[in-house]
């Protein structure tokens, strides 16, 4: 079995934090919320605004989104380099 198997077993028991964005039909919202509450250690969730039209039509908003993406990448890179912990 070796170290790889032991590492896999340790990883299966480790808790990971995920952030996901997806679309759900209104009729499924309560079921999804209940599933997440029952099967995870739910930290936070929110319904986000649809900004597709703003992104297409508002250049100031588009610039803000691009700047936010750059900053997010910088933060994620910093975390990867300095967190001292392996992630998936």
Protein backbone atom coordinates (compact mmCIF):
# COMPACT_ATOMS: atom_id res chain seq x y z
CA UNK A 1 0.00 0.00 0.00
CA UNK A 2 2.78 2.52 0.85
CA UNK A 3 2.83 6.24 1.58
CA UNK A 4 0.49 7.16 -1.29
CA UNK A 5 -2.34 5.06 0.15
CA UNK A 6 -1.79 6.48 3.61
CA UNK A 7 -1.79 10.01 2.21
CA UNK A 8 -5.03 9.31 0.38
CA UNK A 9 -6.65 7.97 3.55
CA UNK A 10 -5.51 11.03 5.51
CA UNK A 11 -6.87 13.30 2.75
CA UNK A 12 -10.28 11.56 2.85
CA UNK A 13 -10.58 12.44 6.53
CA UNK A 14 -9.39 16.04 6.08
CA UNK A 15 -12.01 18.76 5.83
CA UNK A 16 -11.81 21.05 2.78
CA UNK A 17 -13.48 24.41 2.16
CA UNK A 18 -15.17 24.88 -1.22
CA UNK A 19 -16.63 27.94 -2.86
CA UNK A 20 -18.91 27.22 -5.81
CA UNK A 21 -21.23 29.32 -7.94
CA UNK A 22 -24.04 27.66 -9.86
CA UNK A 23 -27.59 28.34 -11.01
CA UNK A 24 -30.58 26.63 -9.42
CA UNK A 25 -34.26 26.87 -10.34
CA UNK A 26 -36.37 28.55 -7.67
CA UNK A 27 -38.31 25.35 -6.99
CA UNK A 28 -35.04 23.62 -5.92
CA UNK A 29 -33.63 26.31 -3.62
CA UNK A 30 -35.09 25.00 -0.36
CA UNK A 31 -34.10 21.39 -1.16
CA UNK A 32 -30.56 22.48 -1.97
CA UNK A 33 -30.29 24.58 1.19
CA UNK A 34 -31.56 21.67 3.30
CA UNK A 35 -29.11 19.24 1.65
CA UNK A 36 -26.18 21.56 2.26
CA UNK A 37 -27.15 22.16 5.89
CA UNK A 38 -27.60 18.43 6.57
CA UNK A 39 -24.51 17.17 4.71
CA UNK A 40 -21.88 19.88 5.14
CA UNK A 41 -20.58 22.33 7.69
CA UNK A 42 -22.17 25.20 5.78
CA UNK A 43 -20.24 28.40 6.43
CA UNK A 44 -21.99 30.86 4.15
CA UNK A 45 -24.23 31.09 1.13
CA UNK A 46 -25.99 33.88 -0.70
CA UNK A 47 -28.06 34.49 -3.77
CA UNK A 48 -26.06 36.67 -6.15
CA UNK A 49 -27.41 39.26 -8.56
CA UNK A 50 -27.43 38.59 -12.28
CA UNK A 51 -24.88 41.09 -13.61
CA UNK A 52 -24.51 39.81 -17.18
CA UNK A 53 -26.27 42.85 -18.70
CA UNK A 54 -24.23 45.26 -16.56
CA UNK A 55 -21.02 43.55 -17.65
CA UNK A 56 -22.01 43.87 -21.32
CA UNK A 57 -23.31 47.45 -21.19
CA UNK A 58 -21.49 49.26 -18.37
CA UNK A 59 -17.80 49.82 -19.02
CA UNK A 60 -17.14 51.08 -15.48
CA UNK A 61 -18.63 47.87 -14.04
CA UNK A 62 -16.63 45.74 -16.49
CA UNK A 63 -13.43 47.50 -15.37
CA UNK A 64 -14.27 46.86 -11.71
CA UNK A 65 -14.88 43.17 -12.40
CA UNK A 66 -11.55 42.84 -14.22
CA UNK A 67 -9.72 44.56 -11.35
CA UNK A 68 -11.44 42.29 -8.84
CA UNK A 69 -10.35 39.23 -10.86
CA UNK A 70 -6.73 40.44 -10.83
CA UNK A 71 -6.79 41.02 -7.08
CA UNK A 72 -8.44 37.64 -6.46
CA UNK A 73 -5.68 35.93 -8.47
CA UNK A 74 -3.00 37.77 -6.48
CA UNK A 75 -4.60 36.73 -3.19
CA UNK A 76 -4.97 33.10 -4.30
CA UNK A 77 -1.33 33.00 -5.45
CA UNK A 78 -0.20 34.47 -2.13
CA UNK A 79 -2.22 31.89 -0.19
CA UNK A 80 -0.75 29.05 -2.24
CA UNK A 81 2.79 30.27 -1.59
CA UNK A 82 2.44 31.15 2.08
CA UNK A 83 -0.27 28.99 3.60
CA UNK A 84 2.08 26.07 4.36
CA UNK A 85 -0.64 23.57 3.60
CA UNK A 86 -1.30 21.53 0.51
CA UNK A 87 -4.65 21.96 -1.23
CA UNK A 88 -6.27 19.97 -4.00
